[in-house]
Amino acid sequence: MAFATTAQLPKNSLRRKSNLGKRIMRNWQLYLFILPALVYFIVFHYVPMYGVQIAFKDFVAKKGIMGSPWVGFEHFATFFHMEDVNSWATFVEALKEFFLSTSWTVILNTLLLAGYTLLAGFPIPVILALLLNEVKSVPYKKLVQNVTYAPNFISMVVMVGMINLFFANTGIVNSILGLIGVPPTNFLMNAGAFRHLYVWTGVWQSTGWSSIIYFAALSSVDPQLHEAATIDGASRLQRLIHINIPTILPTMAIMLIMQVGTIMNVGFEKIYLMQNASNIGVSEVIATYVYKLGIQQAQVSFSAAIGLFNNVVNLILLLIVNKVSKKVSDTGLW
């Protein structure tokens, strides 16, 4: 096989390499500035990918990653109950078994919690930013912003402690309900209340902070557009719909893509801290399931396979939503 020499390379390719080298030398301060971030991603995000092969091995700590025996897709087959599939009949039986298994339960719980969080949590910061942008009183606007930003700085442990304090059988919520004759309900032991508690307390905690990026986008609106619309007789609502919302639509698209791209990564800490024997059927998600298998039961390879499946689903959703967004609004991450 003949290999191309430098003389045989296209002139345009050589010119591009030369120009790149000149740009780097000319702007070396900027490249030096981004070097720490580049090193961070290489060390903490790319180098650890070496360990992904554990998902395809029967990991034995004594033998190490390279010395552990290779098992291929055995762990994935076990998770989806497809170990003994060799015909259409066995595939149907395995599928039925999967939909009755813990594997399907944790996937379904993850999707329901993630979907509920996205539907409830995505539009509210946008609405808050749009409404506050219409407020003329600067002191009142700053007060509302500070009040809505503050919950973001509460640690997750303290947050769950507050949930226990408010929604326990003798908590503040039940005390208030008792004043109007409603019998007490132990929300923390009620499986039906778990998703609502998880999602809406998360919305309360993150709404103010999430709205910052939309405030930044709204600040770029040209005041002359509003002046011209006002002269033409447009109401405040019409200006909001036809000027403000189109301005932040690209930002909304990017934020939606990023949230969908992590839709399977439902927060581990909060769910684990809120989990109990009564709500385990609806609160067991992939993150907590992987933790229990990998750390508590030392099934490292099996838990790594489930985690890899989770991340692959995230990647596929990210690519699909980004593609759709590019087609519909000509806005995407790349």
C-alpha atoms as a PDB file:
ATOM      1  CA  MET A   1       0.000   0.000   0.000  1.00  0.00           C
ATOM      2  CA  ALA A   2       1.400   3.398  -0.976  1.00  0.00           C
ATOM      3  CA  PHE A   3       1.262   6.171   1.611  1.00  0.00           C
ATOM      4  CA  ALA A   4       0.884   9.819   0.670  1.00  0.00           C
ATOM      5  CA  THR A   5       3.949  11.959   1.275  1.00  0.00           C
ATOM      6  CA  THR A   6       3.882  15.587   2.326  1.00  0.00           C
ATOM      7  CA  ALA A   7       4.449  16.595  -1.263  1.00  0.00           C
ATOM      8  CA  GLN A   8       1.410  14.590  -2.355  1.00  0.00           C
ATOM      9  CA  LEU A   9      -0.988  16.186   0.155  1.00  0.00           C
ATOM     10  CA  PRO A  10      -3.446  18.717  -1.284  1.00  0.00           C
ATOM     11  CA  LYS A  11      -2.177  22.268  -1.147  1.00  0.00           C
ATOM     12  CA  ASN A  12      -5.365  23.430   0.571  1.00  0.00           C
ATOM     13  CA  SER A  13      -4.787  20.933   3.411  1.00  0.00           C
ATOM     14  CA  LEU A  14      -1.219  22.129   3.944  1.00  0.00           C
ATOM     15  CA  ARG A  15      -2.363  25.738   3.820  1.00  0.00           C
ATOM     16  CA  ARG A  16      -5.059  25.073   6.442  1.00  0.00           C
ATOM     17  CA  LYS A  17      -2.536  23.434   8.774  1.00  0.00           C
ATOM     18  CA  SER A  18      -0.141  26.337   8.301  1.00  0.00           C
ATOM     19  CA  ASN A  19      -2.885  28.876   8.992  1.00  0.00           C
ATOM     20  CA  LEU A  20      -3.989  26.977  12.098  1.00  0.00           C
ATOM     21  CA  GLY A  21      -0.446  26.986  13.454  1.00  0.00           C
ATOM     22  CA  LYS A  22      -0.125  30.716  12.797  1.00  0.00           C
ATOM     23  CA  ARG A  23      -3.462  31.423  14.521  1.00  0.00           C
ATOM     24  CA  ILE A  24      -2.379  29.422  17.575  1.00  0.00           C
ATOM     25  CA  MET A  25       0.944  31.258  17.791  1.00  0.00           C
ATOM     26  CA  ARG A  26      -0.717  34.631  17.267  1.00  0.00           C
ATOM     27  CA  ASN A  27      -3.384  34.008  19.932  1.00  0.00           C
ATOM     28  CA  TRP A  28      -1.387  31.788  22.296  1.00  0.00           C
ATOM     29  CA  GLN A  29      -2.720  33.692  25.335  1.00  0.00           C
ATOM     30  CA  LEU A  30      -6.294  32.676  24.506  1.00  0.00           C
ATOM     31  CA  TYR A  31      -5.327  29.034  23.988  1.00  0.00           C
ATOM     32  CA  LEU A  32      -3.411  29.109  27.273  1.00  0.00           C
ATOM     33  CA  PHE A  33      -6.543  30.495  28.926  1.00  0.00           C
ATOM     34  CA  ILE A  34      -8.698  27.531  27.795  1.00  0.00           C
ATOM     35  CA  LEU A  35      -5.962  24.964  28.565  1.00  0.00           C
ATOM     36  CA  PRO A  36      -7.150  24.238  32.168  1.00  0.00           C
ATOM     37  CA  ALA A  37     -10.686  23.513  30.936  1.00  0.00           C
ATOM     38  CA  LEU A  38      -9.296  21.275  28.188  1.00  0.00           C
ATOM     39  CA  VAL A  39      -7.116  19.384  30.680  1.00  0.00           C
ATOM     40  CA  TYR A  40     -10.102  19.006  33.024  1.00  0.00           C
ATOM     41  CA  PHE A  41     -12.262  17.385  30.347  1.00  0.00           C
ATOM     42  CA  ILE A  42      -9.450  15.115  29.186  1.00  0.00           C
ATOM     43  CA  VAL A  43      -8.554  13.935  32.706  1.00  0.00           C
ATOM     44  CA  PHE A  44     -12.025  13.630  34.232  1.00  0.00           C
ATOM     45  CA  HIS A  45     -14.248  12.890  31.203  1.00  0.00           C
ATOM     46  CA  TYR A  46     -12.210  11.194  28.493  1.00  0.00           C
ATOM     47  CA  VAL A  47      -9.591   9.191  30.391  1.00  0.00           C
ATOM     48  CA  PRO A  48     -12.259   7.471  32.563  1.00  0.00           C
ATOM     49  CA  MET A  49     -13.861   6.135  29.354  1.00  0.00           C
ATOM     50  CA  TYR A  50     -11.145   3.488  29.551  1.00  0.00           C
ATOM     51  CA  GLY A  51     -13.214   1.887  32.318  1.00  0.00           C
ATOM     52  CA  VAL A  52     -16.306   1.490  30.103  1.00  0.00           C
ATOM     53  CA  GLN A  53     -15.009  -1.927  29.092  1.00  0.00           C
ATOM     54  CA  ILE A  54     -15.958  -3.174  32.575  1.00  0.00           C
ATOM     55  CA  ALA A  55     -19.543  -3.340  31.268  1.00  0.00           C
ATOM     56  CA  PHE A  56     -18.431  -6.031  28.821  1.00  0.00           C
ATOM     57  CA  LYS A  57     -16.355  -8.027  31.311  1.00  0.00           C
ATOM     58  CA  ASP A  58     -16.897 -10.063  34.460  1.00  0.00           C
ATOM     59  CA  PHE A  59     -14.876  -7.666  36.576  1.00  0.00           C
ATOM     60  CA  VAL A  60     -12.720  -9.159  39.304  1.00  0.00           C
ATOM     61  CA  ALA A  61     -10.879  -6.566  41.380  1.00  0.00           C
ATOM     62  CA  LYS A  62      -7.920  -8.889  41.968  1.00  0.00           C
ATOM     63  CA  LYS A  63      -7.393  -9.326  38.224  1.00  0.00           C
ATOM     64  CA  GLY A  64      -8.004  -5.696  37.301  1.00  0.00           C
ATOM     65  CA  ILE A  65      -9.815  -4.363  34.255  1.00  0.00           C
ATOM     66  CA  MET A  66      -7.513  -5.905  31.642  1.00  0.00           C
ATOM     67  CA  GLY A  67      -7.231  -9.256  33.402  1.00  0.00           C
ATOM     68  CA  SER A  68     -10.954  -9.786  33.965  1.00  0.00           C
ATOM     69  CA  PRO A  69     -12.628 -12.230  31.539  1.00  0.00           C
ATOM     70  CA  TRP A  70     -14.547 -10.846  28.578  1.00  0.00           C
ATOM     71  CA  VAL A  71     -18.287 -11.677  28.539  1.00  0.00           C
ATOM     72  CA  GLY A  72     -19.525  -9.400  25.740  1.00  0.00           C
ATOM     73  CA  PHE A  73     -23.166  -8.359  26.009  1.00  0.00           C
ATOM     74  CA  GLU A  74     -24.022 -10.864  28.746  1.00  0.00           C
ATOM     75  CA  HIS A  75     -24.819  -8.188  31.368  1.00  0.00           C
ATOM     76  CA  PHE A  76     -27.069  -6.292  28.957  1.00  0.00           C
ATOM     77  CA  ALA A  77     -28.882  -9.536  28.119  1.00  0.00           C
ATOM     78  CA  THR A  78     -29.350 -10.226  31.818  1.00  0.00           C
ATOM     79  CA  PHE A  79     -30.766  -6.749  32.441  1.00  0.00           C
ATOM     80  CA  PHE A  80     -33.268  -7.131  29.587  1.00  0.00           C
ATOM     81  CA  HIS A  81     -33.950 -10.819  30.420  1.00  0.00           C
ATOM     82  CA  MET A  82     -32.763 -11.935  26.977  1.00  0.00           C
ATOM     83  CA  GLU A  83     -30.168 -14.537  28.075  1.00  0.00           C
ATOM     84  CA  ASP A  84     -31.913 -17.610  26.622  1.00  0.00           C
ATOM     85  CA  VAL A  85     -33.465 -16.082  23.498  1.00  0.00           C
ATOM     86  CA  ASN A  86     -32.923 -18.376  20.496  1.00  0.00           C
ATOM     87  CA  SER A  87     -36.293 -18.211  18.723  1.00  0.00           C
ATOM     88  CA  TRP A  88     -39.300 -15.968  18.270  1.00  0.00           C
ATOM     89  CA  ALA A  89     -41.246 -17.831  20.975  1.00  0.00           C
ATOM     90  CA  THR A  90     -38.458 -17.453  23.540  1.00  0.00           C
ATOM     91  CA  PHE A  91     -38.102 -13.767  22.587  1.00  0.00           C
ATOM     92  CA  VAL A  92     -41.808 -13.157  23.298  1.00  0.00           C
ATOM     93  CA  GLU A  93     -41.531 -14.955  26.627  1.00  0.00           C
ATOM     94  CA  ALA A  94     -38.399 -12.983  27.537  1.00  0.00           C
ATOM     95  CA  LEU A  95     -40.180  -9.751  26.613  1.00  0.00           C
ATOM     96  CA  LYS A  96     -43.110 -10.610  28.875  1.00  0.00           C
ATOM     97  CA  GLU A  97     -40.706 -11.430  31.683  1.00  0.00           C
ATOM     98  CA  PHE A  98     -38.869  -8.138  31.154  1.00  0.00           C
ATOM     99  CA  PHE A  99     -42.047  -6.055  31.464  1.00  0.00           C
ATOM    100  CA  LEU A 100     -42.783  -7.772  34.781  1.00  0.00           C
ATOM    101  CA  SER A 101     -39.236  -7.378  36.094  1.00  0.00           C
ATOM    102  CA  THR A 102     -37.400  -4.861  38.257  1.00  0.00           C
ATOM    103  CA  SER A 103     -35.477  -3.739  35.167  1.00  0.00           C
ATOM    104  CA  TRP A 104     -38.617  -2.407  33.479  1.00  0.00           C
ATOM    105  CA  THR A 105     -39.819  -0.847  36.742  1.00  0.00           C
ATOM    106  CA  VAL A 106     -36.655   1.224  37.190  1.00  0.00           C
ATOM    107  CA  ILE A 107     -36.681   2.303  33.527  1.00  0.00           C
ATOM    108  CA  LEU A 108     -40.361   3.285  33.715  1.00  0.00           C
ATOM    109  CA  ASN A 109     -39.866   5.146  37.006  1.00  0.00           C
ATOM    110  CA  THR A 110     -36.894   7.008  35.512  1.00  0.00           C
ATOM    111  CA  LEU A 111     -38.841   8.025  32.411  1.00  0.00           C
ATOM    112  CA  LEU A 112     -41.926   9.110  34.370  1.00  0.00           C
ATOM    113  CA  LEU A 113     -39.941  11.195  36.843  1.00  0.00           C
ATOM    114  CA  ALA A 114     -37.762  12.713  34.123  1.00  0.00           C
ATOM    115  CA  GLY A 115     -40.724  13.492  31.868  1.00  0.00           C
ATOM    116  CA  TYR A 116     -42.728  14.995  34.736  1.00  0.00           C
ATOM    117  CA  THR A 117     -39.730  17.116  35.767  1.00  0.00           C
ATOM    118  CA  LEU A 118     -39.221  18.353  32.189  1.00  0.00           C
ATOM    119  CA  LEU A 119     -42.893  19.212  31.633  1.00  0.00           C
ATOM    120  CA  ALA A 120     -43.222  21.022  34.960  1.00  0.00           C
ATOM    121  CA  GLY A 121     -39.773  22.548  35.246  1.00  0.00           C
ATOM    122  CA  PHE A 122     -38.994  23.762  31.733  1.00  0.00           C
ATOM    123  CA  PRO A 123     -41.746  26.374  31.096  1.00  0.00           C
ATOM    124  CA  ILE A 124     -41.921  27.925  34.583  1.00  0.00           C
ATOM    125  CA  PRO A 125     -38.502  29.705  34.487  1.00  0.00           C
ATOM    126  CA  VAL A 126     -39.455  31.095  31.055  1.00  0.00           C
ATOM    127  CA  ILE A 127     -42.779  32.406  32.388  1.00  0.00           C
ATOM    128  CA  LEU A 128     -41.073  33.913  35.450  1.00  0.00           C
ATOM    129  CA  ALA A 129     -38.505  35.710  33.284  1.00  0.00           C
ATOM    130  CA  LEU A 130     -41.171  37.047  30.913  1.00  0.00           C
ATOM    131  CA  LEU A 131     -43.379  38.291  33.753  1.00  0.00           C
ATOM    132  CA  LEU A 132     -40.568  39.915  35.727  1.00  0.00           C
ATOM    133  CA  ASN A 133     -39.265  41.558  32.583  1.00  0.00           C
ATOM    134  CA  GLU A 134     -42.591  43.450  32.419  1.00  0.00           C
ATOM    135  CA  VAL A 135     -42.302  44.737  35.991  1.00  0.00           C
ATOM    136  CA  LYS A 136     -41.368  48.419  36.039  1.00  0.00           C
ATOM    137  CA  SER A 137     -40.526  48.696  39.752  1.00  0.00           C
ATOM    138  CA  VAL A 138     -36.803  47.890  40.033  1.00  0.00           C
ATOM    139  CA  PRO A 139     -36.822  47.314  43.852  1.00  0.00           C
ATOM    140  CA  TYR A 140     -39.761  44.890  43.564  1.00  0.00           C
ATOM    141  CA  LYS A 141     -38.102  43.070  40.650  1.00  0.00           C
ATOM    142  CA  LYS A 142     -34.861  42.652  42.643  1.00  0.00           C
ATOM    143  CA  LEU A 143     -36.798  41.423  45.670  1.00  0.00           C
ATOM    144  CA  VAL A 144     -38.593  38.739  43.638  1.00  0.00           C
ATOM    145  CA  GLN A 145     -35.352  37.695  41.952  1.00  0.00           C
ATOM    146  CA  ASN A 146     -33.541  37.331  45.290  1.00  0.00           C
ATOM    147  CA  VAL A 147     -36.426  35.358  46.810  1.00  0.00           C
ATOM    148  CA  THR A 148     -36.617  32.979  43.839  1.00  0.00           C
ATOM    149  CA  TYR A 149     -32.819  32.579  43.526  1.00  0.00           C
ATOM    150  CA  ALA A 150     -32.271  31.762  47.219  1.00  0.00           C
ATOM    151  CA  PRO A 151     -33.610  28.156  47.233  1.00  0.00           C
ATOM    152  CA  ASN A 152     -30.964  27.150  44.673  1.00  0.00           C
ATOM    153  CA  PHE A 153     -28.288  27.517  47.370  1.00  0.00           C
ATOM    154  CA  ILE A 154     -29.951  25.060  49.747  1.00  0.00           C
ATOM    155  CA  SER A 155     -28.046  21.770  49.881  1.00  0.00           C
ATOM    156  CA  MET A 156     -29.882  18.622  48.899  1.00  0.00           C
ATOM    157  CA  VAL A 157     -29.660  17.128  52.394  1.00  0.00           C
ATOM    158  CA  VAL A 158     -31.179  20.276  53.909  1.00  0.00           C
ATOM    159  CA  MET A 159     -33.804  20.288  51.153  1.00  0.00           C
ATOM    160  CA  VAL A 160     -34.944  16.754  51.986  1.00  0.00           C
ATOM    161  CA  GLY A 161     -34.911  17.672  55.682  1.00  0.00           C
ATOM    162  CA  MET A 162     -37.272  20.547  54.883  1.00  0.00           C
ATOM    163  CA  ILE A 163     -39.543  18.174  52.953  1.00  0.00           C
ATOM    164  CA  ASN A 164     -39.657  15.860  55.975  1.00  0.00           C
ATOM    165  CA  LEU A 165     -40.381  18.801  58.272  1.00  0.00           C
ATOM    166  CA  PHE A 166     -43.208  20.140  56.110  1.00  0.00           C
ATOM    167  CA  PHE A 167     -44.887  16.953  54.876  1.00  0.00           C
ATOM    168  CA  ALA A 168     -44.519  14.475  57.755  1.00  0.00           C
ATOM    169  CA  ASN A 169     -47.605  13.213  59.560  1.00  0.00           C
ATOM    170  CA  THR A 170     -47.189  15.938  62.196  1.00  0.00           C
ATOM    171  CA  GLY A 171     -45.610  18.446  59.805  1.00  0.00           C
ATOM    172  CA  ILE A 172     -46.536  22.012  59.006  1.00  0.00           C
ATOM    173  CA  VAL A 173     -48.714  21.133  55.996  1.00  0.00           C
ATOM    174  CA  ASN A 174     -50.821  18.684  57.980  1.00  0.00           C
ATOM    175  CA  SER A 175     -51.126  21.224  60.804  1.00  0.00           C
ATOM    176  CA  ILE A 176     -52.537  23.800  58.376  1.00  0.00           C
ATOM    177  CA  LEU A 177     -54.871  21.232  56.797  1.00  0.00           C
ATOM    178  CA  GLY A 178     -56.071  20.286  60.276  1.00  0.00           C
ATOM    179  CA  LEU A 179     -57.238  23.839  60.862  1.00  0.00           C
ATOM    180  CA  ILE A 180     -59.786  23.429  58.063  1.00  0.00           C
ATOM    181  CA  GLY A 181     -60.861  19.972  59.153  1.00  0.00           C
ATOM    182  CA  VAL A 182     -58.781  17.843  56.757  1.00  0.00           C
ATOM    183  CA  PRO A 183     -57.446  14.663  58.422  1.00  0.00           C
ATOM    184  CA  PRO A 184     -53.623  14.313  58.489  1.00  0.00           C
ATOM    185  CA  THR A 185     -51.876  12.450  55.682  1.00  0.00           C
ATOM    186  CA  ASN A 186     -48.331  11.089  55.855  1.00  0.00           C
ATOM    187  CA  PHE A 187     -47.197  12.301  52.433  1.00  0.00           C
ATOM    188  CA  LEU A 188     -43.732  10.804  52.888  1.00  0.00           C
ATOM    189  CA  MET A 189     -45.152   7.287  53.214  1.00  0.00           C
ATOM    190  CA  ASN A 190     -47.610   7.764  50.359  1.00  0.00           C
ATOM    191  CA  ALA A 191     -46.262   6.311  47.102  1.00  0.00           C
ATOM    192  CA  GLY A 192     -48.734   8.364  45.076  1.00  0.00           C
ATOM    193  CA  ALA A 193     -47.367  11.617  46.519  1.00  0.00           C
ATOM    194  CA  PHE A 194     -43.689  10.846  45.932  1.00  0.00           C
ATOM    195  CA  ARG A 195     -43.440  12.078  42.329  1.00  0.00           C
ATOM    196  CA  HIS A 196     -45.350  15.282  43.089  1.00  0.00           C
ATOM    197  CA  LEU A 197     -43.154  16.036  46.108  1.00  0.00           C
ATOM    198  CA  TYR A 198     -39.967  15.323  44.166  1.00  0.00           C
ATOM    199  CA  VAL A 199     -40.890  17.377  41.095  1.00  0.00           C
ATOM    200  CA  TRP A 200     -42.536  20.431  42.627  1.00  0.00           C
ATOM    201  CA  THR A 201     -39.986  20.910  45.386  1.00  0.00           C
ATOM    202  CA  GLY A 202     -37.361  20.703  42.641  1.00  0.00           C
ATOM    203  CA  VAL A 203     -39.232  23.306  40.596  1.00  0.00           C
ATOM    204  CA  TRP A 204     -39.398  25.605  43.631  1.00  0.00           C
ATOM    205  CA  GLN A 205     -35.681  25.166  44.236  1.00  0.00           C
ATOM    206  CA  SER A 206     -34.439  25.681  40.669  1.00  0.00           C
ATOM    207  CA  THR A 207     -36.904  28.059  38.968  1.00  0.00           C
ATOM    208  CA  GLY A 208     -35.247  31.332  39.962  1.00  0.00           C
ATOM    209  CA  TRP A 209     -31.764  30.191  39.077  1.00  0.00           C
ATOM    210  CA  SER A 210     -32.876  28.667  35.769  1.00  0.00           C
ATOM    211  CA  SER A 211     -34.557  31.923  34.765  1.00  0.00           C
ATOM    212  CA  ILE A 212     -31.256  33.861  34.791  1.00  0.00           C
ATOM    213  CA  ILE A 213     -30.344  32.818  31.260  1.00  0.00           C
ATOM    214  CA  TYR A 214     -33.731  33.993  29.967  1.00  0.00           C
ATOM    215  CA  PHE A 215     -33.281  37.357  31.701  1.00  0.00           C
ATOM    216  CA  ALA A 216     -29.958  37.655  29.891  1.00  0.00           C
ATOM    217  CA  ALA A 217     -31.622  36.850  26.553  1.00  0.00           C
ATOM    218  CA  LEU A 218     -34.412  39.389  27.176  1.00  0.00           C
ATOM    219  CA  SER A 219     -31.851  42.095  27.958  1.00  0.00           C
ATOM    220  CA  SER A 220     -30.721  41.930  24.326  1.00  0.00           C
ATOM    221  CA  VAL A 221     -34.122  43.070  23.020  1.00  0.00           C
ATOM    222  CA  ASP A 222     -33.783  46.420  21.244  1.00  0.00           C
ATOM    223  CA  PRO A 223     -35.941  48.998  23.126  1.00  0.00           C
ATOM    224  CA  GLN A 224     -36.702  50.638  19.778  1.00  0.00           C
ATOM    225  CA  LEU A 225     -38.737  47.554  18.830  1.00  0.00           C
ATOM    226  CA  HIS A 226     -41.020  48.107  21.817  1.00  0.00           C
ATOM    227  CA  GLU A 227     -41.215  51.832  21.093  1.00  0.00           C
ATOM    228  CA  ALA A 228     -42.195  51.214  17.474  1.00  0.00           C
ATOM    229  CA  ALA A 229     -44.754  48.565  18.508  1.00  0.00           C
ATOM    230  CA  THR A 230     -46.239  50.926  21.108  1.00  0.00           C
ATOM    231  CA  ILE A 231     -46.582  53.690  18.526  1.00  0.00           C
ATOM    232  CA  ASP A 232     -48.371  51.218  16.235  1.00  0.00           C
ATOM    233  CA  GLY A 233     -50.868  50.530  19.022  1.00  0.00           C
ATOM    234  CA  ALA A 234     -49.559  47.146  20.246  1.00  0.00           C
ATOM    235  CA  SER A 235     -50.593  46.229  23.795  1.00  0.00           C
ATOM    236  CA  ARG A 236     -48.158  44.926  26.393  1.00  0.00           C
ATOM    237  CA  LEU A 237     -49.375  41.355  25.803  1.00  0.00           C
ATOM    238  CA  GLN A 238     -48.934  41.695  22.041  1.00  0.00           C
ATOM    239  CA  ARG A 239     -45.404  43.023  22.507  1.00  0.00           C
ATOM    240  CA  LEU A 240     -44.618  40.116  24.835  1.00  0.00           C
ATOM    241  CA  ILE A 241     -45.897  37.570  22.296  1.00  0.00           C
ATOM    242  CA  HIS A 242     -44.426  39.105  19.141  1.00  0.00           C
ATOM    243  CA  ILE A 243     -41.160  40.585  20.444  1.00  0.00           C
ATOM    244  CA  ASN A 244     -40.005  39.021  23.727  1.00  0.00           C
ATOM    245  CA  ILE A 245     -40.923  35.388  23.091  1.00  0.00           C
ATOM    246  CA  PRO A 246     -39.351  35.222  19.577  1.00  0.00           C
ATOM    247  CA  THR A 247     -36.197  36.759  21.080  1.00  0.00           C
ATOM    248  CA  ILE A 248     -35.736  33.975  23.623  1.00  0.00           C
ATOM    249  CA  LEU A 249     -36.898  31.102  21.384  1.00  0.00           C
ATOM    250  CA  PRO A 250     -33.322  30.141  20.327  1.00  0.00           C
ATOM    251  CA  THR A 251     -32.275  30.102  23.988  1.00  0.00           C
ATOM    252  CA  MET A 252     -35.312  27.989  24.866  1.00  0.00           C
ATOM    253  CA  ALA A 253     -34.433  25.532  22.098  1.00  0.00           C
ATOM    254  CA  ILE A 254     -30.856  25.143  23.348  1.00  0.00           C
ATOM    255  CA  MET A 255     -31.990  24.679  26.953  1.00  0.00           C
ATOM    256  CA  LEU A 256     -34.606  22.118  25.907  1.00  0.00           C
ATOM    257  CA  ILE A 257     -32.019  20.143  23.928  1.00  0.00           C
ATOM    258  CA  MET A 258     -29.656  20.088  26.907  1.00  0.00           C
ATOM    259  CA  GLN A 259     -32.389  19.011  29.315  1.00  0.00           C
ATOM    260  CA  VAL A 260     -33.635  16.234  27.030  1.00  0.00           C
ATOM    261  CA  GLY A 261     -30.025  15.093  26.609  1.00  0.00           C
ATOM    262  CA  THR A 262     -29.858  14.379  30.347  1.00  0.00           C
ATOM    263  CA  ILE A 263     -33.440  13.212  30.775  1.00  0.00           C
ATOM    264  CA  MET A 264     -32.409   9.761  32.048  1.00  0.00           C
ATOM    265  CA  ASN A 265     -30.067  11.214  34.677  1.00  0.00           C
ATOM    266  CA  VAL A 266     -32.703  11.784  37.339  1.00  0.00           C
ATOM    267  CA  GLY A 267     -31.069  13.221  40.480  1.00  0.00           C
ATOM    268  CA  PHE A 268     -29.670  10.434  42.636  1.00  0.00           C
ATOM    269  CA  GLU A 269     -29.142  12.249  45.944  1.00  0.00           C
ATOM    270  CA  LYS A 270     -32.625  13.611  46.423  1.00  0.00           C
ATOM    271  CA  ILE A 271     -34.378  10.399  45.397  1.00  0.00           C
ATOM    272  CA  TYR A 272     -32.127   8.254  47.573  1.00  0.00           C
ATOM    273  CA  LEU A 273     -32.718  10.482  50.601  1.00  0.00           C
ATOM    274  CA  MET A 274     -36.500  10.516  50.041  1.00  0.00           C
ATOM    275  CA  GLN A 275     -36.711   6.782  49.444  1.00  0.00           C
ATOM    276  CA  ASN A 276     -38.394   4.473  51.961  1.00  0.00           C
ATOM    277  CA  ALA A 277     -40.077   1.078  52.032  1.00  0.00           C
ATOM    278  CA  SER A 278     -43.480   2.544  51.178  1.00  0.00           C
ATOM    279  CA  ASN A 279     -42.475   4.441  48.023  1.00  0.00           C
ATOM    280  CA  ILE A 280     -39.705   2.166  46.722  1.00  0.00           C
ATOM    281  CA  GLY A 281     -42.004   0.929  43.942  1.00  0.00           C
ATOM    282  CA  VAL A 282     -42.171   4.393  42.357  1.00  0.00           C
ATOM    283  CA  SER A 283     -38.871   5.871  43.574  1.00  0.00           C
ATOM    284  CA  GLU A 284     -36.420   3.209  42.413  1.00  0.00           C
ATOM    285  CA  VAL A 285     -34.742   4.724  39.341  1.00  0.00           C
ATOM    286  CA  ILE A 286     -31.701   3.735  37.315  1.00  0.00           C
ATOM    287  CA  ALA A 287     -29.332   5.912  39.377  1.00  0.00           C
ATOM    288  CA  THR A 288     -30.346   4.375  42.738  1.00  0.00           C
ATOM    289  CA  TYR A 289     -30.546   0.879  41.230  1.00  0.00           C
ATOM    290  CA  VAL A 290     -26.992   1.159  39.862  1.00  0.00           C
ATOM    291  CA  TYR A 291     -25.742   2.428  43.228  1.00  0.00           C
ATOM    292  CA  LYS A 292     -27.287  -0.470  45.125  1.00  0.00           C
ATOM    293  CA  LEU A 293     -25.983  -3.065  42.673  1.00  0.00           C
ATOM    294  CA  GLY A 294     -22.525  -1.593  42.218  1.00  0.00           C
ATOM    295  CA  ILE A 295     -21.693  -0.342  45.728  1.00  0.00           C
ATOM    296  CA  GLN A 296     -23.876  -2.312  48.111  1.00  0.00           C
ATOM    297  CA  GLN A 297     -23.881  -5.648  46.247  1.00  0.00           C
ATOM    298  CA  ALA A 298     -20.492  -5.287  44.467  1.00  0.00           C
ATOM    299  CA  GLN A 299     -21.948  -6.226  41.042  1.00  0.00           C
ATOM    300  CA  VAL A 300     -19.614  -3.781  39.344  1.00  0.00           C
ATOM    301  CA  SER A 301     -19.849  -5.044  35.768  1.00  0.00           C
ATOM    302  CA  PHE A 302     -23.631  -5.412  35.806  1.00  0.00           C
ATOM    303  CA  SER A 303     -24.155  -1.935  37.235  1.00  0.00           C
ATOM    304  CA  ALA A 304     -21.662  -0.489  34.720  1.00  0.00           C
ATOM    305  CA  ALA A 305     -23.643  -2.071  31.880  1.00  0.00           C
ATOM    306  CA  ILE A 306     -26.878  -0.481  33.137  1.00  0.00           C
ATOM    307  CA  GLY A 307     -25.155   2.891  33.495  1.00  0.00           C
ATOM    308  CA  LEU A 308     -23.754   2.617  29.965  1.00  0.00           C
ATOM    309  CA  PHE A 309     -27.215   1.805  28.602  1.00  0.00           C
ATOM    310  CA  ASN A 310     -28.561   4.866  30.431  1.00  0.00           C
ATOM    311  CA  ASN A 311     -25.936   7.148  28.872  1.00  0.00           C
ATOM    312  CA  VAL A 312     -26.426   5.721  25.386  1.00  0.00           C
ATOM    313  CA  VAL A 313     -30.160   6.482  25.615  1.00  0.00           C
ATOM    314  CA  ASN A 314     -29.291  10.047  26.675  1.00  0.00           C
ATOM    315  CA  LEU A 315     -26.946  10.419  23.713  1.00  0.00           C
ATOM    316  CA  ILE A 316     -29.548   9.123  21.241  1.00  0.00           C
ATOM    317  CA  LEU A 317     -32.213  11.486  22.619  1.00  0.00           C
ATOM    318  CA  LEU A 318     -29.769  14.399  22.441  1.00  0.00           C
ATOM    319  CA  LEU A 319     -28.952  13.682  18.787  1.00  0.00           C
ATOM    320  CA  ILE A 320     -32.616  13.269  17.839  1.00  0.00           C
ATOM    321  CA  VAL A 321     -33.836  16.433  19.597  1.00  0.00           C
ATOM    322  CA  ASN A 322     -30.919  18.464  18.231  1.00  0.00           C
ATOM    323  CA  LYS A 323     -31.689  17.250  14.703  1.00  0.00           C
ATOM    324  CA  VAL A 324     -35.396  18.054  15.046  1.00  0.00           C
ATOM    325  CA  SER A 325     -34.601  21.484  16.488  1.00  0.00           C
ATOM    326  CA  LYS A 326     -32.283  22.252  13.563  1.00  0.00           C
ATOM    327  CA  LYS A 327     -35.003  21.277  11.112  1.00  0.00           C
ATOM    328  CA  VAL A 328     -37.807  23.188  12.854  1.00  0.00           C
ATOM    329  CA  SER A 329     -36.102  26.331  14.162  1.00  0.00           C
ATOM    330  CA  ASP A 330     -32.617  26.259  12.620  1.00  0.00           C
ATOM    331  CA  THR A 331     -31.224  26.283  16.199  1.00  0.00           C
ATOM    332  CA  GLY A 332     -29.070  23.519  17.644  1.00  0.00           C
ATOM    333  CA  LEU A 333     -26.017  22.739  19.724  1.00  0.00           C
ATOM    334  CA  TRP A 334     -24.006  22.068  16.564  1.00  0.00           C
END
